[in-house]
Amino acid sequence: MAPEIDETPLKQELPRAYVLRMATLKCQAVANMLLNPPLEGGSIRRSLGEGGSGRGEGEGGERALILAADTVVAVGRRILPKAANPGEVERCLKLLSGRRHQVLTALALAVGNEKIRTRIVTTRVAFKTLTPAEIDDYLASREGEGKAGGYAIQGRAEAFVRFINGSYSSVVGLPLYETMSLLNGCGYAR
């Protein structure tokens, strides 16, 4: 479920504050959609129990879990875009070439109507210096379009990585260890 929220950074908003705000807003928006569905949205209402308890509980009284995440790539205080086109991918790659950057993923977990629990995972990544041919080849693959910072580490861009310090799965999009820790901390166990 993808909520519609304004993802524009606030004036002078730092990457860490931005990614946390985005994950929290997404979590709140989904919780609101599930707990206050439109009248014709019967399938959602049934999944929470007909009429619902108003406490974010399902039919058996279990608490609803809503997990949201957001990932940004940052160079210093600068938040790189989710590259929408080849031009943005190229600008991101040229900026990242030969430099270190941070990938920040924020998690927000709503458990019933309890306070939203959050966590931020920071991973440091360094790219090698990219040649014009490497950038052109990557642009031709279109792999970086729609990706934070204009690259997908789980694909061809992995060859650009000189080193990584932190969570690989966070750079892919969801830090698995930290997500499971957050879920286990609120009583979810599998």
N, C-alpha and C. Protein backbone atom coordinates (compact mmCIF):
# COMPACT_ATOMS: atom_id res chain seq x y z
N MET A 1 0.85 -1.16 0.00
CA MET A 1 0.00 0.00 0.00
C MET A 1 0.91 1.23 0.00
N ALA A 2 0.75 2.07 -0.96
CA ALA A 2 1.60 3.26 -1.09
C ALA A 2 0.77 4.51 -0.81
N PRO A 3 1.00 5.14 0.33
CA PRO A 3 0.23 6.35 0.64
C PRO A 3 0.72 7.53 -0.19
N GLU A 4 -0.19 8.45 -0.42
CA GLU A 4 0.17 9.65 -1.15
C GLU A 4 0.51 10.73 -0.14
N ILE A 5 1.81 11.05 -0.04
CA ILE A 5 2.26 12.11 0.85
C ILE A 5 3.18 13.03 0.07
N ASP A 6 3.32 14.24 0.55
CA ASP A 6 4.23 15.20 -0.07
C ASP A 6 5.65 14.85 0.38
N GLU A 7 6.50 14.46 -0.57
CA GLU A 7 7.86 14.05 -0.24
C GLU A 7 8.89 15.15 -0.46
N THR A 8 8.42 16.38 -0.54
CA THR A 8 9.33 17.52 -0.71
C THR A 8 10.07 17.80 0.59
N PRO A 9 11.40 17.85 0.55
CA PRO A 9 12.14 18.19 1.77
C PRO A 9 11.79 19.61 2.23
N LEU A 10 11.74 19.79 3.54
CA LEU A 10 11.51 21.12 4.09
C LEU A 10 12.77 21.96 3.89
N LYS A 11 12.62 23.26 3.92
CA LYS A 11 13.77 24.15 3.73
C LYS A 11 14.82 23.85 4.80
N GLN A 12 16.04 23.62 4.37
CA GLN A 12 17.21 23.32 5.21
C GLN A 12 17.06 22.04 6.04
N GLU A 13 16.16 21.14 5.63
CA GLU A 13 15.98 19.87 6.35
C GLU A 13 17.16 18.95 6.06
N LEU A 14 17.75 18.42 7.10
CA LEU A 14 18.88 17.52 6.96
C LEU A 14 18.40 16.12 6.57
N PRO A 15 19.26 15.34 5.91
CA PRO A 15 18.84 14.01 5.44
C PRO A 15 18.26 13.12 6.53
N ARG A 16 18.86 13.08 7.69
CA ARG A 16 18.38 12.22 8.78
C ARG A 16 16.96 12.61 9.22
N ALA A 17 16.73 13.88 9.41
CA ALA A 17 15.40 14.36 9.81
C ALA A 17 14.38 14.10 8.70
N TYR A 18 14.80 14.30 7.47
CA TYR A 18 13.91 14.10 6.32
C TYR A 18 13.45 12.65 6.22
N VAL A 19 14.40 11.70 6.26
CA VAL A 19 14.05 10.30 6.05
C VAL A 19 13.17 9.79 7.20
N LEU A 20 13.42 10.27 8.41
CA LEU A 20 12.59 9.88 9.54
C LEU A 20 11.18 10.44 9.39
N ARG A 21 11.08 11.68 8.96
CA ARG A 21 9.77 12.30 8.75
C ARG A 21 8.98 11.55 7.67
N MET A 22 9.67 11.16 6.58
CA MET A 22 8.98 10.46 5.49
C MET A 22 8.45 9.10 5.94
N ALA A 23 9.26 8.32 6.63
CA ALA A 23 8.83 7.00 7.09
C ALA A 23 7.66 7.14 8.07
N THR A 24 7.74 8.11 8.97
CA THR A 24 6.67 8.31 9.95
C THR A 24 5.38 8.75 9.27
N LEU A 25 5.48 9.68 8.33
CA LEU A 25 4.28 10.13 7.60
C LEU A 25 3.64 8.99 6.81
N LYS A 26 4.47 8.15 6.19
CA LYS A 26 3.94 7.01 5.45
C LYS A 26 3.21 6.05 6.39
N CYS A 27 3.80 5.79 7.54
CA CYS A 27 3.20 4.89 8.52
C CYS A 27 1.86 5.45 9.01
N GLN A 28 1.84 6.73 9.34
CA GLN A 28 0.62 7.38 9.81
C GLN A 28 -0.46 7.36 8.73
N ALA A 29 -0.06 7.61 7.48
CA ALA A 29 -1.03 7.64 6.38
C ALA A 29 -1.64 6.26 6.15
N VAL A 30 -0.83 5.21 6.19
CA VAL A 30 -1.37 3.86 6.00
C VAL A 30 -2.26 3.48 7.18
N ALA A 31 -1.84 3.80 8.39
CA ALA A 31 -2.67 3.51 9.57
C ALA A 31 -4.02 4.21 9.44
N ASN A 32 -4.00 5.44 9.00
CA ASN A 32 -5.24 6.19 8.83
C ASN A 32 -6.12 5.55 7.76
N MET A 33 -5.51 5.10 6.66
CA MET A 33 -6.26 4.45 5.58
C MET A 33 -6.90 3.15 6.07
N LEU A 34 -6.18 2.39 6.88
CA LEU A 34 -6.68 1.10 7.36
C LEU A 34 -7.71 1.25 8.48
N LEU A 35 -7.48 2.19 9.36
CA LEU A 35 -8.37 2.34 10.50
C LEU A 35 -9.59 3.19 10.20
N ASN A 36 -9.52 3.99 9.14
CA ASN A 36 -10.64 4.84 8.74
C ASN A 36 -10.91 4.68 7.26
N PRO A 37 -11.25 3.46 6.81
CA PRO A 37 -11.45 3.24 5.38
C PRO A 37 -12.70 3.93 4.86
N PRO A 38 -12.74 4.22 3.56
CA PRO A 38 -13.95 4.78 2.97
C PRO A 38 -15.08 3.76 3.13
N LEU A 39 -16.31 4.25 3.13
CA LEU A 39 -17.47 3.37 3.33
C LEU A 39 -17.50 2.21 2.34
N GLU A 40 -17.10 2.45 1.09
CA GLU A 40 -17.13 1.38 0.09
C GLU A 40 -15.92 0.46 0.20
N GLY A 41 -15.00 0.71 1.10
CA GLY A 41 -13.79 -0.09 1.23
C GLY A 41 -13.99 -1.28 2.15
N GLY A 42 -14.97 -2.09 1.90
CA GLY A 42 -15.32 -3.21 2.77
C GLY A 42 -14.20 -4.20 3.00
N SER A 43 -13.34 -4.42 2.00
CA SER A 43 -12.31 -5.44 2.18
C SER A 43 -11.32 -5.02 3.26
N ILE A 44 -11.02 -3.74 3.34
CA ILE A 44 -10.11 -3.27 4.39
C ILE A 44 -10.80 -3.38 5.74
N ARG A 45 -12.05 -2.97 5.81
CA ARG A 45 -12.79 -3.01 7.07
C ARG A 45 -12.88 -4.44 7.58
N ARG A 46 -13.12 -5.40 6.69
CA ARG A 46 -13.21 -6.80 7.10
C ARG A 46 -11.87 -7.31 7.62
N SER A 47 -10.77 -6.84 7.02
CA SER A 47 -9.47 -7.33 7.46
C SER A 47 -9.14 -6.88 8.88
N LEU A 48 -9.76 -5.80 9.33
CA LEU A 48 -9.54 -5.33 10.70
C LEU A 48 -10.67 -5.77 11.62
N GLY A 49 -11.62 -6.50 11.11
CA GLY A 49 -12.78 -6.90 11.91
C GLY A 49 -13.92 -5.97 11.57
N GLU A 50 -15.09 -6.49 11.23
CA GLU A 50 -16.23 -5.67 10.83
C GLU A 50 -16.52 -4.63 11.90
N GLY A 51 -16.49 -3.41 11.49
CA GLY A 51 -16.72 -2.33 12.44
C GLY A 51 -15.45 -1.97 13.20
N GLY A 52 -14.59 -2.93 13.43
CA GLY A 52 -13.32 -2.69 14.12
C GLY A 52 -13.52 -2.25 15.55
N SER A 53 -12.51 -2.36 16.34
CA SER A 53 -12.58 -1.97 17.75
C SER A 53 -12.19 -0.52 17.94
N GLY A 54 -11.64 0.09 16.87
CA GLY A 54 -11.14 1.45 17.01
C GLY A 54 -9.78 1.49 17.68
N ARG A 55 -9.22 0.33 17.98
CA ARG A 55 -7.92 0.29 18.64
C ARG A 55 -6.86 -0.33 17.75
N GLY A 56 -7.13 -0.50 16.46
CA GLY A 56 -6.16 -1.11 15.56
C GLY A 56 -6.04 -2.60 15.78
N GLU A 57 -7.15 -3.23 16.15
CA GLU A 57 -7.13 -4.67 16.39
C GLU A 57 -7.90 -5.40 15.30
N GLY A 58 -7.48 -6.62 15.03
CA GLY A 58 -8.16 -7.47 14.06
C GLY A 58 -9.27 -8.24 14.73
N GLU A 59 -9.84 -9.20 13.99
CA GLU A 59 -10.98 -9.95 14.49
C GLU A 59 -10.67 -10.71 15.76
N GLY A 60 -9.50 -11.28 15.90
CA GLY A 60 -9.15 -12.06 17.08
C GLY A 60 -8.55 -11.21 18.19
N GLY A 61 -8.60 -9.90 18.08
CA GLY A 61 -8.04 -9.03 19.09
C GLY A 61 -6.55 -8.78 18.92
N GLU A 62 -5.93 -9.35 17.86
CA GLU A 62 -4.50 -9.12 17.65
C GLU A 62 -4.28 -7.68 17.20
N ARG A 63 -3.12 -7.16 17.53
CA ARG A 63 -2.81 -5.78 17.18
C ARG A 63 -2.32 -5.72 15.73
N ALA A 64 -2.81 -4.72 15.00
CA ALA A 64 -2.36 -4.52 13.63
C ALA A 64 -0.93 -3.97 13.65
N LEU A 65 -0.08 -4.50 12.78
CA LEU A 65 1.28 -4.00 12.61
C LEU A 65 1.37 -3.30 11.27
N ILE A 66 1.86 -2.09 11.28
CA ILE A 66 2.05 -1.33 10.04
C ILE A 66 3.50 -0.89 10.01
N LEU A 67 4.21 -1.36 8.99
CA LEU A 67 5.63 -1.03 8.82
C LEU A 67 5.79 -0.16 7.59
N ALA A 68 6.47 0.95 7.77
CA ALA A 68 6.78 1.84 6.65
C ALA A 68 8.27 2.13 6.68
N ALA A 69 8.82 2.41 5.50
CA ALA A 69 10.24 2.72 5.41
C ALA A 69 10.47 3.75 4.31
N ASP A 70 11.57 4.45 4.44
CA ASP A 70 11.99 5.37 3.39
C ASP A 70 13.51 5.36 3.37
N THR A 71 14.06 5.50 2.17
CA THR A 71 15.52 5.48 2.00
C THR A 71 15.94 6.70 1.20
N VAL A 72 17.02 7.34 1.66
CA VAL A 72 17.61 8.44 0.91
C VAL A 72 19.11 8.23 0.79
N VAL A 73 19.65 8.80 -0.27
CA VAL A 73 21.10 8.84 -0.48
C VAL A 73 21.50 10.29 -0.25
N ALA A 74 22.54 10.48 0.55
CA ALA A 74 22.96 11.84 0.89
C ALA A 74 24.46 11.99 0.72
N VAL A 75 24.84 13.13 0.18
CA VAL A 75 26.24 13.54 0.11
C VAL A 75 26.33 14.77 0.99
N GLY A 76 26.94 14.59 2.16
CA GLY A 76 26.95 15.68 3.14
C GLY A 76 25.53 15.99 3.57
N ARG A 77 25.14 17.24 3.45
CA ARG A 77 23.78 17.67 3.83
C ARG A 77 22.80 17.58 2.65
N ARG A 78 23.33 17.21 1.50
CA ARG A 78 22.53 17.21 0.28
C ARG A 78 21.81 15.87 0.09
N ILE A 79 20.48 15.94 -0.09
CA ILE A 79 19.66 14.76 -0.35
C ILE A 79 19.56 14.58 -1.85
N LEU A 80 20.02 13.45 -2.34
CA LEU A 80 19.92 13.18 -3.77
C LEU A 80 18.50 12.73 -4.10
N PRO A 81 18.06 13.00 -5.32
CA PRO A 81 16.67 12.65 -5.68
C PRO A 81 16.50 11.17 -5.96
N LYS A 82 15.24 10.76 -5.97
CA LYS A 82 14.89 9.47 -6.56
C LYS A 82 14.89 9.79 -8.05
N ALA A 83 15.92 9.34 -8.75
CA ALA A 83 16.15 9.77 -10.13
C ALA A 83 14.99 9.36 -11.04
N ALA A 84 14.35 10.34 -11.63
CA ALA A 84 13.17 10.08 -12.46
C ALA A 84 13.49 9.85 -13.93
N ASN A 85 14.68 10.22 -14.35
CA ASN A 85 15.01 10.13 -15.78
C ASN A 85 16.52 9.97 -15.94
N PRO A 86 16.98 9.66 -17.14
CA PRO A 86 18.42 9.46 -17.35
C PRO A 86 19.27 10.67 -16.97
N GLY A 87 18.77 11.87 -17.18
CA GLY A 87 19.53 13.06 -16.81
C GLY A 87 19.79 13.13 -15.32
N GLU A 88 18.78 12.80 -14.51
CA GLU A 88 18.97 12.81 -13.06
C GLU A 88 19.90 11.68 -12.62
N VAL A 89 19.79 10.52 -13.25
CA VAL A 89 20.69 9.41 -12.93
C VAL A 89 22.13 9.84 -13.21
N GLU A 90 22.35 10.47 -14.36
CA GLU A 90 23.71 10.91 -14.73
C GLU A 90 24.25 11.92 -13.73
N ARG A 91 23.42 12.90 -13.32
CA ARG A 91 23.87 13.90 -12.35
C ARG A 91 24.23 13.23 -11.02
N CYS A 92 23.43 12.28 -10.59
CA CYS A 92 23.72 11.56 -9.33
C CYS A 92 25.03 10.79 -9.44
N LEU A 93 25.21 10.04 -10.52
CA LEU A 93 26.43 9.23 -10.68
C LEU A 93 27.67 10.10 -10.73
N LYS A 94 27.60 11.24 -11.42
CA LYS A 94 28.75 12.13 -11.49
C LYS A 94 29.08 12.71 -10.11
N LEU A 95 28.06 12.98 -9.31
CA LEU A 95 28.28 13.49 -7.97
C LEU A 95 28.87 12.41 -7.06
N LEU A 96 28.41 11.17 -7.22
CA LEU A 96 28.86 10.06 -6.37
C LEU A 96 30.22 9.50 -6.79
N SER A 97 30.60 9.72 -8.02
CA SER A 97 31.85 9.17 -8.57
C SER A 97 33.06 9.58 -7.73
N GLY A 98 33.79 8.57 -7.23
CA GLY A 98 35.00 8.82 -6.47
C GLY A 98 34.78 9.37 -5.07
N ARG A 99 33.53 9.33 -4.60
CA ARG A 99 33.21 9.94 -3.30
C ARG A 99 32.52 8.96 -2.37
N ARG A 100 32.52 9.34 -1.11
CA ARG A 100 31.74 8.62 -0.11
C ARG A 100 30.38 9.28 0.03
N HIS A 101 29.40 8.48 0.36
CA HIS A 101 28.08 9.01 0.63
C HIS A 101 27.40 8.15 1.68
N GLN A 102 26.27 8.61 2.15
CA GLN A 102 25.49 7.86 3.13
C GLN A 102 24.17 7.44 2.52
N VAL A 103 23.74 6.25 2.89
CA VAL A 103 22.40 5.78 2.57
C VAL A 103 21.70 5.64 3.91
N LEU A 104 20.62 6.39 4.07
CA LEU A 104 19.86 6.37 5.32
C LEU A 104 18.50 5.76 5.06
N THR A 105 18.15 4.76 5.85
CA THR A 105 16.83 4.17 5.78
C THR A 105 16.17 4.31 7.13
N ALA A 106 14.99 4.90 7.14
CA ALA A 106 14.21 5.03 8.37
C ALA A 106 13.08 4.03 8.34
N LEU A 107 12.86 3.40 9.48
CA LEU A 107 11.75 2.47 9.67
C LEU A 107 10.77 3.10 10.65
N ALA A 108 9.49 2.92 10.40
CA ALA A 108 8.46 3.38 11.33
C ALA A 108 7.47 2.23 11.48
N LEU A 109 7.22 1.83 12.72
CA LEU A 109 6.34 0.71 13.01
C LEU A 109 5.22 1.16 13.94
N ALA A 110 3.99 1.01 13.46
CA ALA A 110 2.81 1.28 14.29
C ALA A 110 2.27 -0.06 14.75
N VAL A 111 2.02 -0.17 16.03
CA VAL A 111 1.45 -1.37 16.63
C VAL A 111 0.14 -0.96 17.27
N GLY A 112 -0.97 -1.32 16.61
CA GLY A 112 -2.27 -0.87 17.11
C GLY A 112 -2.28 0.64 17.19
N ASN A 113 -2.75 1.15 18.30
CA ASN A 113 -2.78 2.61 18.50
C ASN A 113 -1.66 3.10 19.40
N GLU A 114 -0.63 2.26 19.58
CA GLU A 114 0.52 2.67 20.39
C GLU A 114 1.34 3.70 19.62
N LYS A 115 2.25 4.33 20.34
CA LYS A 115 3.16 5.29 19.73
C LYS A 115 3.97 4.60 18.62
N ILE A 116 4.21 5.30 17.53
CA ILE A 116 5.00 4.76 16.42
C ILE A 116 6.45 4.62 16.87
N ARG A 117 7.01 3.44 16.64
CA ARG A 117 8.41 3.17 16.97
C ARG A 117 9.24 3.40 15.71
N THR A 118 10.40 4.01 15.87
CA THR A 118 11.22 4.34 14.70
C THR A 118 12.67 3.89 14.91
N ARG A 119 13.34 3.75 13.80
CA ARG A 119 14.77 3.43 13.81
C ARG A 119 15.35 3.96 12.51
N ILE A 120 16.58 4.46 12.58
CA ILE A 120 17.29 4.92 11.38
C ILE A 120 18.56 4.10 11.25
N VAL A 121 18.79 3.61 10.04
CA VAL A 121 19.99 2.82 9.74
C VAL A 121 20.83 3.63 8.76
N THR A 122 22.07 3.87 9.14
CA THR A 122 22.99 4.63 8.28
C THR A 122 24.07 3.70 7.75
N THR A 123 24.23 3.70 6.45
CA THR A 123 25.27 2.91 5.80
C THR A 123 26.14 3.84 4.99
N ARG A 124 27.44 3.68 5.12
CA ARG A 124 28.38 4.49 4.36
C ARG A 124 28.85 3.69 3.16
N VAL A 125 28.83 4.35 2.01
CA VAL A 125 29.21 3.70 0.75
C VAL A 125 30.21 4.60 0.04
N ALA A 126 31.20 3.99 -0.58
CA ALA A 126 32.16 4.76 -1.40
C ALA A 126 32.16 4.18 -2.80
N PHE A 127 32.01 5.06 -3.77
CA PHE A 127 32.09 4.68 -5.18
C PHE A 127 33.51 4.90 -5.69
N LYS A 128 33.92 4.06 -6.60
CA LYS A 128 35.17 4.29 -7.31
C LYS A 128 34.95 5.47 -8.26
N THR A 129 36.00 5.98 -8.85
CA THR A 129 35.86 7.02 -9.85
C THR A 129 35.32 6.36 -11.12
N LEU A 130 34.19 6.86 -11.57
CA LEU A 130 33.52 6.26 -12.73
C LEU A 130 34.02 6.90 -14.02
N THR A 131 34.23 6.08 -15.02
CA THR A 131 34.62 6.59 -16.34
C THR A 131 33.36 7.03 -17.08
N PRO A 132 33.51 7.90 -18.07
CA PRO A 132 32.35 8.28 -18.87
C PRO A 132 31.67 7.05 -19.51
N ALA A 133 32.45 6.06 -19.92
CA ALA A 133 31.87 4.85 -20.53
C ALA A 133 31.04 4.07 -19.50
N GLU A 134 31.51 3.99 -18.27
CA GLU A 134 30.74 3.29 -17.23
C GLU A 134 29.42 3.99 -16.96
N ILE A 135 29.47 5.31 -16.92
CA ILE A 135 28.24 6.08 -16.71
C ILE A 135 27.29 5.88 -17.88
N ASP A 136 27.80 5.96 -19.10
CA ASP A 136 26.95 5.77 -20.29
C ASP A 136 26.32 4.37 -20.32
N ASP A 137 27.10 3.36 -19.99
CA ASP A 137 26.58 1.99 -19.97
C ASP A 137 25.48 1.84 -18.92
N TYR A 138 25.70 2.46 -17.77
CA TYR A 138 24.70 2.37 -16.70
C TYR A 138 23.43 3.10 -17.10
N LEU A 139 23.59 4.25 -17.73
CA LEU A 139 22.41 5.00 -18.20
C LEU A 139 21.63 4.18 -19.23
N ALA A 140 22.34 3.49 -20.11
CA ALA A 140 21.67 2.67 -21.14
C ALA A 140 20.86 1.53 -20.51
N SER A 141 21.29 1.06 -19.35
CA SER A 141 20.56 -0.04 -18.70
C SER A 141 19.25 0.44 -18.07
N ARG A 142 19.13 1.74 -17.82
CA ARG A 142 17.96 2.36 -17.19
C ARG A 142 17.71 1.85 -15.76
N GLU A 143 18.67 1.15 -15.21
CA GLU A 143 18.52 0.55 -13.89
C GLU A 143 18.38 1.59 -12.77
N GLY A 144 19.00 2.74 -12.92
CA GLY A 144 18.99 3.74 -11.85
C GLY A 144 17.74 4.59 -11.78
N GLU A 145 16.89 4.49 -12.79
CA GLU A 145 15.67 5.31 -12.80
C GLU A 145 14.71 4.82 -11.72
N GLY A 146 14.19 5.78 -10.96
CA GLY A 146 13.27 5.46 -9.88
C GLY A 146 13.96 5.04 -8.60
N LYS A 147 15.28 5.12 -8.56
CA LYS A 147 16.06 4.70 -7.39
C LYS A 147 16.63 5.92 -6.66
N ALA A 148 16.64 5.83 -5.34
CA ALA A 148 17.25 6.89 -4.54
C ALA A 148 18.72 7.01 -4.93
N GLY A 149 19.15 8.22 -5.23
CA GLY A 149 20.54 8.44 -5.61
C GLY A 149 20.88 7.98 -7.01
N GLY A 150 19.91 7.46 -7.74
CA GLY A 150 20.12 7.08 -9.14
C GLY A 150 20.86 5.78 -9.36
N TYR A 151 20.90 4.90 -8.34
CA TYR A 151 21.57 3.62 -8.56
C TYR A 151 20.92 2.51 -7.75
N ALA A 152 21.13 1.28 -8.21
CA ALA A 152 20.64 0.08 -7.52
C ALA A 152 21.84 -0.79 -7.19
N ILE A 153 22.20 -0.86 -5.92
CA ILE A 153 23.39 -1.61 -5.52
C ILE A 153 23.23 -3.11 -5.80
N GLN A 154 22.01 -3.59 -5.83
CA GLN A 154 21.77 -5.01 -6.07
C GLN A 154 21.88 -5.38 -7.54
N GLY A 155 22.23 -4.43 -8.36
CA GLY A 155 22.37 -4.67 -9.79
C GLY A 155 23.76 -4.30 -10.28
N ARG A 156 23.81 -3.68 -11.45
CA ARG A 156 25.08 -3.33 -12.08
C ARG A 156 25.93 -2.35 -11.26
N ALA A 157 25.27 -1.52 -10.48
CA ALA A 157 26.00 -0.50 -9.71
C ALA A 157 26.85 -1.11 -8.61
N GLU A 158 26.64 -2.37 -8.29
CA GLU A 158 27.48 -3.00 -7.27
C GLU A 158 28.95 -2.97 -7.70
N ALA A 159 29.20 -2.94 -9.00
CA ALA A 159 30.58 -2.88 -9.50
C ALA A 159 31.23 -1.52 -9.25
N PHE A 160 30.44 -0.52 -8.88
CA PHE A 160 30.97 0.81 -8.60
C PHE A 160 31.42 0.97 -7.14
N VAL A 161 31.02 0.04 -6.28
CA VAL A 161 31.22 0.18 -4.85
C VAL A 161 32.63 -0.24 -4.44
N ARG A 162 33.39 0.72 -3.92
CA ARG A 162 34.73 0.45 -3.41
C ARG A 162 34.66 -0.17 -2.03
N PHE A 163 33.78 0.38 -1.20
CA PHE A 163 33.53 -0.23 0.11
C PHE A 163 32.16 0.18 0.62
N ILE A 164 31.69 -0.64 1.56
CA ILE A 164 30.41 -0.39 2.21
C ILE A 164 30.59 -0.68 3.70
N ASN A 165 30.09 0.21 4.52
CA ASN A 165 30.17 0.04 5.96
C ASN A 165 28.77 0.21 6.52
N GLY A 166 28.16 -0.92 6.87
CA GLY A 166 26.80 -0.87 7.40
C GLY A 166 25.96 -1.99 6.82
N SER A 167 24.72 -1.70 6.57
CA SER A 167 23.74 -2.70 6.16
C SER A 167 23.53 -2.70 4.64
N TYR A 168 23.98 -3.79 4.01
CA TYR A 168 23.76 -3.93 2.56
C TYR A 168 22.26 -3.93 2.25
N SER A 169 21.47 -4.66 3.05
CA SER A 169 20.03 -4.74 2.76
C SER A 169 19.35 -3.38 2.92
N SER A 170 19.92 -2.51 3.74
CA SER A 170 19.37 -1.16 3.86
C SER A 170 19.57 -0.37 2.57
N VAL A 171 20.73 -0.54 1.94
CA VAL A 171 21.00 0.15 0.68
C VAL A 171 20.07 -0.38 -0.41
N VAL A 172 19.76 -1.67 -0.35
CA VAL A 172 18.81 -2.26 -1.30
C VAL A 172 17.41 -1.67 -1.07
N GLY A 173 17.08 -1.38 0.20
CA GLY A 173 15.79 -0.76 0.45
C GLY A 173 15.15 -1.05 1.79
N LEU A 174 15.48 -2.19 2.43
CA LEU A 174 14.90 -2.50 3.73
C LEU A 174 15.93 -3.22 4.58
N PRO A 175 16.39 -2.60 5.66
CA PRO A 175 17.39 -3.24 6.52
C PRO A 175 16.76 -4.40 7.29
N LEU A 176 17.07 -5.61 6.86
CA LEU A 176 16.39 -6.79 7.39
C LEU A 176 16.67 -7.03 8.87
N TYR A 177 17.92 -6.97 9.28
CA TYR A 177 18.24 -7.21 10.69
C TYR A 177 17.50 -6.22 11.59
N GLU A 178 17.59 -4.95 11.24
CA GLU A 178 16.98 -3.91 12.06
C GLU A 178 15.45 -4.00 12.04
N THR A 179 14.89 -4.38 10.89
CA THR A 179 13.44 -4.55 10.80
C THR A 179 12.97 -5.67 11.72
N MET A 180 13.67 -6.81 11.69
CA MET A 180 13.30 -7.92 12.56
C MET A 180 13.49 -7.56 14.03
N SER A 181 14.54 -6.81 14.35
CA SER A 181 14.75 -6.37 15.73
C SER A 181 13.61 -5.49 16.20
N LEU A 182 13.16 -4.59 15.35
CA LEU A 182 12.05 -3.71 15.68
C LEU A 182 10.77 -4.51 15.89
N LEU A 183 10.50 -5.45 14.99
CA LEU A 183 9.30 -6.30 15.12
C LEU A 183 9.37 -7.17 16.37
N ASN A 184 10.52 -7.78 16.60
CA ASN A 184 10.67 -8.62 17.80
C ASN A 184 10.52 -7.81 19.07
N GLY A 185 10.97 -6.57 19.05
CA GLY A 185 10.88 -5.70 20.22
C GLY A 185 9.46 -5.36 20.59
N CYS A 186 8.53 -5.50 19.67
CA CYS A 186 7.13 -5.20 20.00
C CYS A 186 6.30 -6.50 20.12
N GLY A 187 7.01 -7.64 20.20
CA GLY A 187 6.32 -8.90 20.45
C GLY A 187 6.04 -9.77 19.26
N TYR A 188 6.41 -9.33 18.07
CA TYR A 188 6.20 -10.15 16.89
C TYR A 188 7.33 -11.17 16.80
N ALA A 189 6.99 -12.43 16.75
CA ALA A 189 8.03 -13.47 16.65
C ALA A 189 7.59 -14.51 15.65
N ARG A 190 8.50 -14.91 14.80
CA ARG A 190 8.25 -15.97 13.80
C ARG A 190 9.41 -16.90 13.79
